[in-house]
């Protein structure tokens, strides 16, 4: 049975392709999902790809992932910089976690340079647009392989 990786996307990521393309690129979330699912298949993983603008829904999905997934890839959007609730949920489930950002948050406004998610993450990929999700799938496969050997 393939390991399931929950890929969560936070607020406003449903607007990709039209929202500030000079910052976030022209790919849509559907474009990114197709690339992630293809990469997951290549790696023998299953991708469960979701998006919500609601913090409570993301928290609930993270909590359920503790029983249904083997890892999480998370682009929490603006909740990255504000949500202790998401951090608490991530720490509670304790799954391998890769944080993803389309833009390089460290080249952005000061308030975007702080990440609550990072406190729970095994690593972060930022600044590579939609390709960051594909890189995150590779990184997750590596984390899972290491945990099997340990």
C-alpha atoms as a PDB file:
ATOM      1  CA  UNK A   1       0.000   0.000   0.000  1.00  0.00           C
ATOM      2  CA  UNK A   2       1.353   3.433  -0.992  1.00  0.00           C
ATOM      3  CA  UNK A   3       2.102   5.986   1.681  1.00  0.00           C
ATOM      4  CA  UNK A   4      -0.331   8.893   1.610  1.00  0.00           C
ATOM      5  CA  UNK A   5       1.030  12.425   1.650  1.00  0.00           C
ATOM      6  CA  UNK A   6      -1.436  15.155   2.594  1.00  0.00           C
ATOM      7  CA  UNK A   7      -0.727  18.320   0.601  1.00  0.00           C
ATOM      8  CA  UNK A   8      -2.496  21.274   2.181  1.00  0.00           C
ATOM      9  CA  UNK A   9      -2.889  24.741   0.726  1.00  0.00           C
ATOM     10  CA  UNK A  10      -4.093  27.707   2.730  1.00  0.00           C
ATOM     11  CA  UNK A  11      -5.982  30.909   2.024  1.00  0.00           C
ATOM     12  CA  UNK A  12      -6.011  32.570  -1.379  1.00  0.00           C
ATOM     13  CA  UNK A  13      -4.031  29.800  -3.059  1.00  0.00           C
ATOM     14  CA  UNK A  14      -7.217  28.992  -4.980  1.00  0.00           C
ATOM     15  CA  UNK A  15      -6.563  32.306  -6.785  1.00  0.00           C
ATOM     16  CA  UNK A  16      -3.207  31.236  -8.219  1.00  0.00           C
ATOM     17  CA  UNK A  17      -2.805  32.137 -11.862  1.00  0.00           C
ATOM     18  CA  UNK A  18      -4.626  35.446 -11.421  1.00  0.00           C
ATOM     19  CA  UNK A  19      -3.454  36.711  -8.015  1.00  0.00           C
ATOM     20  CA  UNK A  20      -0.276  38.776  -8.291  1.00  0.00           C
ATOM     21  CA  UNK A  21       1.343  36.690 -11.050  1.00  0.00           C
ATOM     22  CA  UNK A  22       4.511  38.778 -10.711  1.00  0.00           C
ATOM     23  CA  UNK A  23       4.893  37.282  -7.210  1.00  0.00           C
ATOM     24  CA  UNK A  24       3.164  33.899  -7.431  1.00  0.00           C
ATOM     25  CA  UNK A  25       3.523  33.022 -11.117  1.00  0.00           C
ATOM     26  CA  UNK A  26       0.936  32.080 -13.699  1.00  0.00           C
ATOM     27  CA  UNK A  27       0.377  28.443 -12.698  1.00  0.00           C
ATOM     28  CA  UNK A  28      -2.988  27.609 -11.224  1.00  0.00           C
ATOM     29  CA  UNK A  29      -3.461  25.391  -8.201  1.00  0.00           C
ATOM     30  CA  UNK A  30      -4.879  22.760 -10.568  1.00  0.00           C
ATOM     31  CA  UNK A  31      -1.640  22.910 -12.597  1.00  0.00           C
ATOM     32  CA  UNK A  32       0.384  22.372  -9.429  1.00  0.00           C
ATOM     33  CA  UNK A  33      -1.878  19.546  -8.300  1.00  0.00           C
ATOM     34  CA  UNK A  34      -1.367  17.714 -11.604  1.00  0.00           C
ATOM     35  CA  UNK A  35       2.438  17.996 -11.257  1.00  0.00           C
ATOM     36  CA  UNK A  36       2.325  16.807  -7.645  1.00  0.00           C
ATOM     37  CA  UNK A  37       0.119  13.831  -8.422  1.00  0.00           C
ATOM     38  CA  UNK A  38       2.397  12.790 -11.304  1.00  0.00           C
ATOM     39  CA  UNK A  39       5.483  13.082  -9.075  1.00  0.00           C
ATOM     40  CA  UNK A  40       3.777  11.144  -6.290  1.00  0.00           C
ATOM     41  CA  UNK A  41       2.954   8.334  -8.720  1.00  0.00           C
ATOM     42  CA  UNK A  42       6.585   8.260  -9.900  1.00  0.00           C
ATOM     43  CA  UNK A  43       7.688   7.897  -6.269  1.00  0.00           C
ATOM     44  CA  UNK A  44       5.106   5.253  -5.391  1.00  0.00           C
ATOM     45  CA  UNK A  45       3.249   7.664  -3.111  1.00  0.00           C
ATOM     46  CA  UNK A  46      -0.360   8.800  -3.011  1.00  0.00           C
ATOM     47  CA  UNK A  47      -1.095  12.540  -2.969  1.00  0.00           C
ATOM     48  CA  UNK A  48      -4.153  13.856  -1.121  1.00  0.00           C
ATOM     49  CA  UNK A  49      -4.243  17.464  -2.383  1.00  0.00           C
ATOM     50  CA  UNK A  50      -6.534  20.009  -0.674  1.00  0.00           C
ATOM     51  CA  UNK A  51      -7.091  23.765  -0.327  1.00  0.00           C
ATOM     52  CA  UNK A  52      -9.082  25.811   2.163  1.00  0.00           C
ATOM     53  CA  UNK A  53      -9.441  29.447   3.099  1.00  0.00           C
ATOM     54  CA  UNK A  54     -10.619  28.373   6.573  1.00  0.00           C
ATOM     55  CA  UNK A  55      -8.096  27.912   9.375  1.00  0.00           C
ATOM     56  CA  UNK A  56     -10.320  25.509  11.307  1.00  0.00           C
ATOM     57  CA  UNK A  57     -10.652  23.237   8.276  1.00  0.00           C
ATOM     58  CA  UNK A  58      -6.870  23.060   7.838  1.00  0.00           C
ATOM     59  CA  UNK A  59      -6.502  22.230  11.549  1.00  0.00           C
ATOM     60  CA  UNK A  60      -9.094  19.449  11.267  1.00  0.00           C
ATOM     61  CA  UNK A  61      -7.392  17.970   8.187  1.00  0.00           C
ATOM     62  CA  UNK A  62      -4.039  18.000  10.002  1.00  0.00           C
ATOM     63  CA  UNK A  63      -5.547  16.257  13.015  1.00  0.00           C
ATOM     64  CA  UNK A  64      -7.126  13.533  10.874  1.00  0.00           C
ATOM     65  CA  UNK A  65      -3.842  13.090   8.987  1.00  0.00           C
ATOM     66  CA  UNK A  66      -2.353  11.628  12.152  1.00  0.00           C
ATOM     67  CA  UNK A  67      -4.407   8.501  11.400  1.00  0.00           C
ATOM     68  CA  UNK A  68      -4.579   8.574   7.603  1.00  0.00           C
ATOM     69  CA  UNK A  69      -1.312   9.964   6.199  1.00  0.00           C
ATOM     70  CA  UNK A  70       2.388   9.323   6.549  1.00  0.00           C
ATOM     71  CA  UNK A  71       3.494  12.903   5.881  1.00  0.00           C
ATOM     72  CA  UNK A  72       2.299  16.457   5.236  1.00  0.00           C
ATOM     73  CA  UNK A  73       3.368  19.060   2.704  1.00  0.00           C
ATOM     74  CA  UNK A  74       1.956  22.426   3.730  1.00  0.00           C
ATOM     75  CA  UNK A  75       1.705  25.830   2.101  1.00  0.00           C
ATOM     76  CA  UNK A  76      -0.281  27.566   4.817  1.00  0.00           C
ATOM     77  CA  UNK A  77      -0.390  30.850   2.901  1.00  0.00           C
ATOM     78  CA  UNK A  78      -0.947  33.805   5.229  1.00  0.00           C
ATOM     79  CA  UNK A  79      -1.637  31.416   8.136  1.00  0.00           C
ATOM     80  CA  UNK A  80       2.099  30.643   8.041  1.00  0.00           C
ATOM     81  CA  UNK A  81       2.710  33.957   9.774  1.00  0.00           C
ATOM     82  CA  UNK A  82      -0.239  34.000  12.172  1.00  0.00           C
ATOM     83  CA  UNK A  83      -1.556  30.588  13.159  1.00  0.00           C
ATOM     84  CA  UNK A  84      -0.566  29.077  16.467  1.00  0.00           C
ATOM     85  CA  UNK A  85      -3.539  26.731  16.007  1.00  0.00           C
ATOM     86  CA  UNK A  86      -1.986  25.201  12.883  1.00  0.00           C
ATOM     87  CA  UNK A  87       1.387  24.910  14.636  1.00  0.00           C
ATOM     88  CA  UNK A  88      -0.259  23.165  17.601  1.00  0.00           C
ATOM     89  CA  UNK A  89      -2.032  20.694  15.299  1.00  0.00           C
ATOM     90  CA  UNK A  90       1.179  19.945  13.393  1.00  0.00           C
ATOM     91  CA  UNK A  91       3.089  19.332  16.620  1.00  0.00           C
ATOM     92  CA  UNK A  92       0.285  17.158  17.990  1.00  0.00           C
ATOM     93  CA  UNK A  93       0.271  14.757  15.019  1.00  0.00           C
ATOM     94  CA  UNK A  94       4.059  14.655  14.734  1.00  0.00           C
ATOM     95  CA  UNK A  95       4.146  13.583  11.085  1.00  0.00           C
ATOM     96  CA  UNK A  96       7.048  14.400   8.771  1.00  0.00           C
ATOM     97  CA  UNK A  97       6.375  17.908   7.464  1.00  0.00           C
ATOM     98  CA  UNK A  98       7.730  19.923   4.551  1.00  0.00           C
ATOM     99  CA  UNK A  99       6.797  23.620   4.461  1.00  0.00           C
ATOM    100  CA  UNK A 100       6.387  25.103   0.963  1.00  0.00           C
ATOM    101  CA  UNK A 101       6.153  28.698  -0.253  1.00  0.00           C
ATOM    102  CA  UNK A 102       5.822  29.771  -3.866  1.00  0.00           C
ATOM    103  CA  UNK A 103       7.815  32.945  -3.293  1.00  0.00           C
ATOM    104  CA  UNK A 104      10.952  33.430  -1.234  1.00  0.00           C
ATOM    105  CA  UNK A 105       9.366  34.729   1.964  1.00  0.00           C
ATOM    106  CA  UNK A 106      12.720  36.105   3.125  1.00  0.00           C
ATOM    107  CA  UNK A 107      12.766  38.563   0.214  1.00  0.00           C
ATOM    108  CA  UNK A 108       9.256  39.788   1.016  1.00  0.00           C
ATOM    109  CA  UNK A 109       7.756  42.125   3.607  1.00  0.00           C
ATOM    110  CA  UNK A 110       9.090  41.775   7.142  1.00  0.00           C
ATOM    111  CA  UNK A 111       5.839  40.266   8.507  1.00  0.00           C
ATOM    112  CA  UNK A 112       6.051  37.430   5.931  1.00  0.00           C
ATOM    113  CA  UNK A 113       9.513  36.410   7.131  1.00  0.00           C
ATOM    114  CA  UNK A 114       8.223  34.790  10.336  1.00  0.00           C
ATOM    115  CA  UNK A 115       6.813  31.278  10.098  1.00  0.00           C
ATOM    116  CA  UNK A 116       5.004  29.460  12.867  1.00  0.00           C
ATOM    117  CA  UNK A 117       4.879  26.379  10.608  1.00  0.00           C
ATOM    118  CA  UNK A 118       8.688  26.188  10.546  1.00  0.00           C
ATOM    119  CA  UNK A 119       8.775  25.287  14.236  1.00  0.00           C
ATOM    120  CA  UNK A 120       7.176  21.936  13.320  1.00  0.00           C
ATOM    121  CA  UNK A 121       8.716  21.427   9.864  1.00  0.00           C
ATOM    122  CA  UNK A 122      11.528  19.069   8.943  1.00  0.00           C
ATOM    123  CA  UNK A 123      12.431  21.510   6.180  1.00  0.00           C
ATOM    124  CA  UNK A 124      11.240  24.394   4.018  1.00  0.00           C
ATOM    125  CA  UNK A 125      11.246  24.945   0.265  1.00  0.00           C
ATOM    126  CA  UNK A 126      10.646  28.538  -0.830  1.00  0.00           C
ATOM    127  CA  UNK A 127      11.002  30.593  -3.967  1.00  0.00           C
ATOM    128  CA  UNK A 128      10.640  27.947  -6.681  1.00  0.00           C
ATOM    129  CA  UNK A 129       6.990  28.537  -7.554  1.00  0.00           C
ATOM    130  CA  UNK A 130       4.934  25.425  -8.214  1.00  0.00           C
ATOM    131  CA  UNK A 131       8.104  23.388  -8.669  1.00  0.00           C
ATOM    132  CA  UNK A 132       8.608  23.704  -4.915  1.00  0.00           C
ATOM    133  CA  UNK A 133       5.810  21.201  -4.386  1.00  0.00           C
ATOM    134  CA  UNK A 134       7.561  18.691  -6.645  1.00  0.00           C
ATOM    135  CA  UNK A 135      10.802  19.247  -4.730  1.00  0.00           C
ATOM    136  CA  UNK A 136       8.848  18.732  -1.521  1.00  0.00           C
ATOM    137  CA  UNK A 137       7.562  15.364  -2.768  1.00  0.00           C
ATOM    138  CA  UNK A 138      11.155  14.264  -3.388  1.00  0.00           C
ATOM    139  CA  UNK A 139      12.151  15.491   0.072  1.00  0.00           C
ATOM    140  CA  UNK A 140       9.197  13.699   1.663  1.00  0.00           C
ATOM    141  CA  UNK A 141      10.100  10.440  -0.082  1.00  0.00           C
ATOM    142  CA  UNK A 142      13.593  10.801   1.374  1.00  0.00           C
ATOM    143  CA  UNK A 143      12.259  11.444   4.878  1.00  0.00           C
ATOM    144  CA  UNK A 144       9.971   8.426   4.702  1.00  0.00           C
ATOM    145  CA  UNK A 145      12.786   6.204   3.417  1.00  0.00           C
ATOM    146  CA  UNK A 146      15.017   7.289   6.315  1.00  0.00           C
ATOM    147  CA  UNK A 147      12.283   6.586   8.866  1.00  0.00           C
ATOM    148  CA  UNK A 148      11.851   3.022   7.513  1.00  0.00           C
ATOM    149  CA  UNK A 149      15.595   2.365   7.882  1.00  0.00           C
ATOM    150  CA  UNK A 150      15.739   3.767  11.411  1.00  0.00           C
END
